[in-house]
């Protein structure tokens, strides 16, 4: 999802202007804080495997403030369930 948004809006971000790219900066900060900082990184292969696992977790289970601190999975389940009156 992030990759799609980043490519879609790539021409809107000025070069060398991270303050204009808050969404990407926030994502990188979250990935570093919640995943990369505690991952074992003995060499490239496990680092890339762990990064793939982190992306999957972020996109399925990690709570997001934009989703009222629900995970994407919880958000989709609630969005697809019939509303109760």
N, C-alpha and C. Protein backbone atom coordinates (compact mmCIF):
# COMPACT_ATOMS: atom_id res chain seq x y z
N UNK A 1 0.82 -1.18 0.00
CA UNK A 1 0.00 0.00 0.00
C UNK A 1 0.87 1.25 0.00
N UNK A 2 1.84 1.31 0.91
CA UNK A 2 2.72 2.47 0.97
C UNK A 2 3.45 2.65 -0.35
N UNK A 3 3.93 1.54 -0.90
CA UNK A 3 4.67 1.60 -2.16
C UNK A 3 3.80 2.20 -3.26
N UNK A 4 2.55 1.78 -3.33
CA UNK A 4 1.62 2.34 -4.33
C UNK A 4 1.47 3.84 -4.16
N UNK A 5 1.25 4.28 -2.91
CA UNK A 5 1.08 5.71 -2.64
C UNK A 5 2.35 6.49 -2.95
N UNK A 6 3.48 5.93 -2.59
CA UNK A 6 4.75 6.63 -2.82
C UNK A 6 5.00 6.82 -4.30
N UNK A 7 4.75 5.79 -5.10
CA UNK A 7 4.97 5.92 -6.54
C UNK A 7 3.93 6.84 -7.17
N UNK A 8 2.72 6.76 -6.70
CA UNK A 8 1.65 7.60 -7.23
C UNK A 8 1.96 9.08 -7.00
N UNK A 9 2.55 9.40 -5.86
CA UNK A 9 2.80 10.79 -5.48
C UNK A 9 4.27 11.19 -5.59
N UNK A 10 5.09 10.37 -6.23
CA UNK A 10 6.54 10.62 -6.27
C UNK A 10 6.87 11.98 -6.86
N UNK A 11 6.14 12.42 -7.86
CA UNK A 11 6.44 13.69 -8.50
C UNK A 11 6.04 14.89 -7.65
N UNK A 12 5.37 14.68 -6.55
CA UNK A 12 4.91 15.78 -5.70
C UNK A 12 5.89 16.12 -4.58
N UNK A 13 6.94 15.31 -4.40
CA UNK A 13 7.88 15.54 -3.32
C UNK A 13 9.13 16.22 -3.86
N UNK A 14 9.45 17.43 -3.39
CA UNK A 14 10.67 18.09 -3.84
C UNK A 14 11.91 17.28 -3.43
N UNK A 15 12.93 17.31 -4.27
CA UNK A 15 14.17 16.61 -3.99
C UNK A 15 14.84 17.20 -2.75
N UNK A 16 15.40 16.34 -1.90
CA UNK A 16 16.11 16.74 -0.69
C UNK A 16 15.27 17.65 0.20
N UNK A 17 14.02 17.28 0.37
CA UNK A 17 13.11 18.07 1.19
C UNK A 17 12.27 17.15 2.06
N UNK A 18 12.90 16.49 3.06
CA UNK A 18 12.17 15.51 3.86
C UNK A 18 10.98 16.09 4.62
N UNK A 19 11.01 17.37 4.94
CA UNK A 19 9.89 17.96 5.66
C UNK A 19 8.63 17.97 4.80
N UNK A 20 8.79 17.86 3.49
CA UNK A 20 7.64 17.81 2.59
C UNK A 20 7.10 16.40 2.42
N UNK A 21 7.79 15.44 2.98
CA UNK A 21 7.44 14.05 2.78
C UNK A 21 7.13 13.39 4.12
N UNK A 22 6.22 13.98 4.86
CA UNK A 22 5.92 13.52 6.21
C UNK A 22 5.42 12.10 6.30
N UNK A 23 4.63 11.66 5.33
CA UNK A 23 4.10 10.30 5.38
C UNK A 23 5.23 9.28 5.30
N UNK A 24 6.15 9.46 4.38
CA UNK A 24 7.27 8.53 4.25
C UNK A 24 8.18 8.61 5.46
N UNK A 25 8.44 9.80 5.95
CA UNK A 25 9.31 9.96 7.12
C UNK A 25 8.71 9.26 8.33
N UNK A 26 7.42 9.39 8.52
CA UNK A 26 6.74 8.74 9.63
C UNK A 26 6.81 7.23 9.50
N UNK A 27 6.62 6.72 8.30
CA UNK A 27 6.69 5.29 8.05
C UNK A 27 8.08 4.75 8.37
N UNK A 28 9.12 5.43 7.90
CA UNK A 28 10.49 4.99 8.15
C UNK A 28 10.79 5.01 9.65
N UNK A 29 10.35 6.05 10.34
CA UNK A 29 10.55 6.13 11.79
C UNK A 29 9.89 4.96 12.50
N UNK A 30 8.66 4.64 12.13
CA UNK A 30 7.95 3.51 12.73
C UNK A 30 8.67 2.20 12.45
N UNK A 31 9.09 1.99 11.22
CA UNK A 31 9.79 0.75 10.88
C UNK A 31 11.08 0.61 11.68
N UNK A 32 11.84 1.69 11.78
CA UNK A 32 13.09 1.64 12.56
C UNK A 32 12.82 1.37 14.03
N UNK A 33 11.86 2.09 14.60
CA UNK A 33 11.56 1.98 16.03
C UNK A 33 10.97 0.63 16.39
N UNK A 34 9.99 0.17 15.64
CA UNK A 34 9.22 -1.01 16.03
C UNK A 34 9.75 -2.32 15.46
N UNK A 35 10.60 -2.26 14.46
CA UNK A 35 11.05 -3.50 13.83
C UNK A 35 12.57 -3.59 13.70
N UNK A 36 13.16 -2.69 12.94
CA UNK A 36 14.57 -2.81 12.58
C UNK A 36 15.48 -2.76 13.80
N UNK A 37 15.15 -1.96 14.79
CA UNK A 37 16.03 -1.78 15.95
C UNK A 37 16.25 -3.07 16.73
N UNK A 38 15.30 -4.00 16.70
CA UNK A 38 15.46 -5.25 17.47
C UNK A 38 15.71 -6.48 16.60
N UNK A 39 15.73 -6.31 15.28
CA UNK A 39 15.95 -7.45 14.38
C UNK A 39 17.41 -7.88 14.36
N UNK A 40 17.67 -9.19 14.36
CA UNK A 40 19.04 -9.63 14.14
C UNK A 40 19.41 -9.36 12.68
N UNK A 41 20.61 -8.84 12.47
CA UNK A 41 21.06 -8.49 11.13
C UNK A 41 22.49 -9.00 10.89
N UNK A 42 22.71 -10.31 10.97
CA UNK A 42 24.08 -10.81 10.81
C UNK A 42 24.62 -10.60 9.40
N UNK A 43 23.75 -10.65 8.39
CA UNK A 43 24.15 -10.35 7.02
C UNK A 43 22.89 -10.01 6.21
N UNK A 44 23.05 -9.83 4.92
CA UNK A 44 21.95 -9.32 4.09
C UNK A 44 20.75 -10.26 4.02
N UNK A 45 20.98 -11.56 3.87
CA UNK A 45 19.85 -12.48 3.68
C UNK A 45 18.86 -12.45 4.86
N UNK A 46 19.32 -12.68 6.12
CA UNK A 46 18.34 -12.62 7.21
C UNK A 46 17.76 -11.22 7.40
N UNK A 47 18.54 -10.19 7.12
CA UNK A 47 18.02 -8.83 7.25
C UNK A 47 16.86 -8.61 6.29
N UNK A 48 17.01 -9.05 5.05
CA UNK A 48 15.93 -8.90 4.07
C UNK A 48 14.73 -9.78 4.41
N UNK A 49 14.98 -10.99 4.90
CA UNK A 49 13.87 -11.87 5.31
C UNK A 49 13.10 -11.25 6.47
N UNK A 50 13.83 -10.73 7.45
CA UNK A 50 13.18 -10.10 8.60
C UNK A 50 12.42 -8.84 8.19
N UNK A 51 12.96 -8.11 7.24
CA UNK A 51 12.28 -6.91 6.76
C UNK A 51 10.96 -7.28 6.07
N UNK A 52 10.96 -8.35 5.31
CA UNK A 52 9.72 -8.81 4.67
C UNK A 52 8.69 -9.19 5.72
N UNK A 53 9.13 -9.86 6.78
CA UNK A 53 8.22 -10.22 7.88
C UNK A 53 7.68 -8.95 8.55
N UNK A 54 8.54 -7.96 8.73
CA UNK A 54 8.12 -6.70 9.35
C UNK A 54 7.07 -5.99 8.50
N UNK A 55 7.28 -5.94 7.18
CA UNK A 55 6.30 -5.31 6.29
C UNK A 55 4.95 -6.03 6.38
N UNK A 56 4.98 -7.35 6.39
CA UNK A 56 3.73 -8.11 6.51
C UNK A 56 3.02 -7.78 7.82
N UNK A 57 3.77 -7.76 8.91
CA UNK A 57 3.17 -7.45 10.21
C UNK A 57 2.60 -6.03 10.21
N UNK A 58 3.37 -5.07 9.69
CA UNK A 58 2.93 -3.68 9.66
C UNK A 58 1.63 -3.54 8.87
N UNK A 59 1.53 -4.25 7.75
CA UNK A 59 0.36 -4.13 6.89
C UNK A 59 -0.83 -4.98 7.32
N UNK A 60 -0.64 -5.87 8.30
CA UNK A 60 -1.74 -6.71 8.76
C UNK A 60 -2.10 -6.51 10.23
N UNK A 61 -1.11 -6.39 11.10
CA UNK A 61 -1.35 -6.48 12.54
C UNK A 61 -1.01 -5.23 13.35
N UNK A 62 -0.15 -4.39 12.85
CA UNK A 62 0.33 -3.23 13.60
C UNK A 62 -0.78 -2.19 13.71
N UNK A 63 -1.05 -1.66 14.91
CA UNK A 63 -2.07 -0.61 15.04
C UNK A 63 -1.63 0.68 14.33
N UNK A 64 -2.56 1.32 13.67
CA UNK A 64 -2.29 2.57 12.94
C UNK A 64 -3.16 3.68 13.51
N UNK A 65 -2.56 4.83 13.75
CA UNK A 65 -3.33 5.95 14.29
C UNK A 65 -4.43 6.39 13.32
N UNK A 66 -4.17 6.32 12.02
CA UNK A 66 -5.18 6.71 11.04
C UNK A 66 -6.39 5.79 11.05
N UNK A 67 -6.22 4.60 11.62
CA UNK A 67 -7.33 3.63 11.73
C UNK A 67 -7.86 3.57 13.15
N UNK A 68 -7.66 4.66 13.89
CA UNK A 68 -8.07 4.75 15.30
C UNK A 68 -7.42 3.64 16.13
N UNK A 69 -6.14 3.43 15.87
CA UNK A 69 -5.30 2.46 16.58
C UNK A 69 -5.81 1.03 16.46
N UNK A 70 -6.41 0.75 15.33
CA UNK A 70 -6.76 -0.63 14.99
C UNK A 70 -5.75 -1.12 13.96
N UNK A 71 -5.61 -2.42 13.87
CA UNK A 71 -4.75 -2.98 12.83
C UNK A 71 -5.50 -2.92 11.51
N UNK A 72 -4.80 -2.97 10.38
CA UNK A 72 -5.50 -3.02 9.10
C UNK A 72 -6.47 -4.20 9.01
N UNK A 73 -6.08 -5.33 9.58
CA UNK A 73 -6.96 -6.51 9.57
C UNK A 73 -8.25 -6.21 10.34
N UNK A 74 -8.13 -5.62 11.54
CA UNK A 74 -9.32 -5.27 12.33
C UNK A 74 -10.18 -4.25 11.60
N UNK A 75 -9.53 -3.28 10.98
CA UNK A 75 -10.26 -2.25 10.25
C UNK A 75 -11.07 -2.86 9.11
N UNK A 76 -10.45 -3.76 8.33
CA UNK A 76 -11.16 -4.40 7.23
C UNK A 76 -12.32 -5.26 7.73
N UNK A 77 -12.09 -5.98 8.83
CA UNK A 77 -13.16 -6.82 9.38
C UNK A 77 -14.35 -5.97 9.80
N UNK A 78 -14.08 -4.85 10.47
CA UNK A 78 -15.17 -3.98 10.91
C UNK A 78 -15.85 -3.31 9.72
N UNK A 79 -15.07 -2.94 8.71
CA UNK A 79 -15.64 -2.28 7.54
C UNK A 79 -16.51 -3.24 6.73
N UNK A 80 -16.17 -4.53 6.75
CA UNK A 80 -16.93 -5.51 5.97
C UNK A 80 -18.07 -6.15 6.74
N UNK A 81 -18.14 -5.91 8.05
CA UNK A 81 -19.22 -6.51 8.83
C UNK A 81 -20.46 -5.62 8.76
N UNK A 82 -21.63 -6.23 8.81
CA UNK A 82 -22.86 -5.42 8.80
C UNK A 82 -22.94 -4.57 10.07
N UNK A 83 -23.39 -3.36 9.91
CA UNK A 83 -23.51 -2.47 11.07
C UNK A 83 -24.71 -2.88 11.91
N UNK A 84 -24.54 -2.71 13.21
CA UNK A 84 -25.63 -3.06 14.12
C UNK A 84 -26.32 -1.78 14.56
N UNK A 85 -27.63 -1.78 14.54
CA UNK A 85 -28.40 -0.59 14.92
C UNK A 85 -28.61 -0.54 16.40
